[in-house]
Amino acid sequence: MAEIINLRTARKAKARTQAAATAAQNRTLHGRTLAQKRAEETEAEHRERTLDGAKIAE
């Protein structure tokens, strides 16, 4: 005989695995560590200061 399963439980398990896959994909796309964020901010500040210092005063 076939194994009896609860359809509600199976549906919830499928939704959980799909949500976990979506979360993993979002972590790879949007996830950055605090150190990476701070490094990017300092790089942007450095770039801005460099450009401001190179402006020609009229």
C-alpha atoms as a PDB file:
ATOM      1  CA  MET A   1       0.000   0.000   0.000  1.00  0.00           C
ATOM      2  CA  ALA A   2       0.975   3.590  -0.468  1.00  0.00           C
ATOM      3  CA  GLU A   3       2.217   5.675   2.429  1.00  0.00           C
ATOM      4  CA  ILE A   4      -0.414   7.945   3.926  1.00  0.00           C
ATOM      5  CA  ILE A   5       0.707  11.572   4.201  1.00  0.00           C
ATOM      6  CA  ASN A   6      -0.925  14.690   5.521  1.00  0.00           C
ATOM      7  CA  LEU A   7      -1.305  17.065   2.563  1.00  0.00           C
ATOM      8  CA  ARG A   8      -1.264  20.162   4.759  1.00  0.00           C
ATOM      9  CA  THR A   9       2.068  19.122   6.272  1.00  0.00           C
ATOM     10  CA  ALA A  10       3.517  18.351   2.846  1.00  0.00           C
ATOM     11  CA  ARG A  11       2.354  21.724   1.486  1.00  0.00           C
ATOM     12  CA  LYS A  12       3.908  23.569   4.438  1.00  0.00           C
ATOM     13  CA  ALA A  13       7.183  21.666   4.050  1.00  0.00           C
ATOM     14  CA  LYS A  14       7.314  22.566   0.357  1.00  0.00           C
ATOM     15  CA  ALA A  15       6.662  26.237   1.171  1.00  0.00           C
ATOM     16  CA  ARG A  16       9.410  26.174   3.825  1.00  0.00           C
ATOM     17  CA  THR A  17      11.995  24.754   1.416  1.00  0.00           C
ATOM     18  CA  GLN A  18      11.009  27.297  -1.234  1.00  0.00           C
ATOM     19  CA  ALA A  19      11.264  30.150   1.290  1.00  0.00           C
ATOM     20  CA  ALA A  20      14.688  28.911   2.381  1.00  0.00           C
ATOM     21  CA  ALA A  21      15.866  28.838  -1.246  1.00  0.00           C
ATOM     22  CA  THR A  22      14.597  32.378  -1.827  1.00  0.00           C
ATOM     23  CA  ALA A  23      16.281  33.571   1.371  1.00  0.00           C
ATOM     24  CA  ALA A  24      19.585  32.020   0.315  1.00  0.00           C
ATOM     25  CA  GLN A  25      19.359  33.714  -3.075  1.00  0.00           C
ATOM     26  CA  ASN A  26      18.607  37.087  -1.437  1.00  0.00           C
ATOM     27  CA  ARG A  27      21.543  36.674   0.947  1.00  0.00           C
ATOM     28  CA  THR A  28      23.909  36.216  -1.974  1.00  0.00           C
ATOM     29  CA  LEU A  29      22.456  39.176  -3.863  1.00  0.00           C
ATOM     30  CA  HIS A  30      22.054  41.683  -1.032  1.00  0.00           C
ATOM     31  CA  GLY A  31      24.070  40.394   1.877  1.00  0.00           C
ATOM     32  CA  ARG A  32      27.179  42.324   2.815  1.00  0.00           C
ATOM     33  CA  THR A  33      29.125  42.236   6.032  1.00  0.00           C
ATOM     34  CA  LEU A  34      29.489  45.300   8.200  1.00  0.00           C
ATOM     35  CA  ALA A  35      33.156  45.528   7.258  1.00  0.00           C
ATOM     36  CA  GLN A  36      32.269  45.531   3.560  1.00  0.00           C
ATOM     37  CA  LYS A  37      29.710  48.289   4.088  1.00  0.00           C
ATOM     38  CA  ARG A  38      32.170  50.445   6.036  1.00  0.00           C
ATOM     39  CA  ALA A  39      34.929  49.880   3.473  1.00  0.00           C
ATOM     40  CA  GLU A  40      32.586  50.987   0.708  1.00  0.00           C
ATOM     41  CA  GLU A  41      31.603  54.106   2.668  1.00  0.00           C
ATOM     42  CA  THR A  42      35.215  55.093   3.315  1.00  0.00           C
ATOM     43  CA  GLU A  43      36.063  54.503  -0.337  1.00  0.00           C
ATOM     44  CA  ALA A  44      33.182  56.752  -1.397  1.00  0.00           C
ATOM     45  CA  GLU A  45      34.312  59.471   1.026  1.00  0.00           C
ATOM     46  CA  HIS A  46      37.876  59.236  -0.275  1.00  0.00           C
ATOM     47  CA  ARG A  47      36.660  59.477  -3.870  1.00  0.00           C
ATOM     48  CA  GLU A  48      34.538  62.522  -3.032  1.00  0.00           C
ATOM     49  CA  ARG A  49      37.401  64.287  -1.225  1.00  0.00           C
ATOM     50  CA  THR A  50      39.744  63.575  -4.122  1.00  0.00           C
ATOM     51  CA  LEU A  51      37.290  65.005  -6.643  1.00  0.00           C
ATOM     52  CA  ASP A  52      36.575  68.061  -4.482  1.00  0.00           C
ATOM     53  CA  GLY A  53      40.297  68.727  -4.127  1.00  0.00           C
ATOM     54  CA  ALA A  54      40.770  68.602  -7.900  1.00  0.00           C
ATOM     55  CA  LYS A  55      38.125  71.239  -8.667  1.00  0.00           C
ATOM     56  CA  ILE A  56      39.297  74.383 -10.379  1.00  0.00           C
ATOM     57  CA  ALA A  57      38.325  77.545  -8.537  1.00  0.00           C
ATOM     58  CA  GLU A  58      36.935  80.190 -10.834  1.00  0.00           C
END
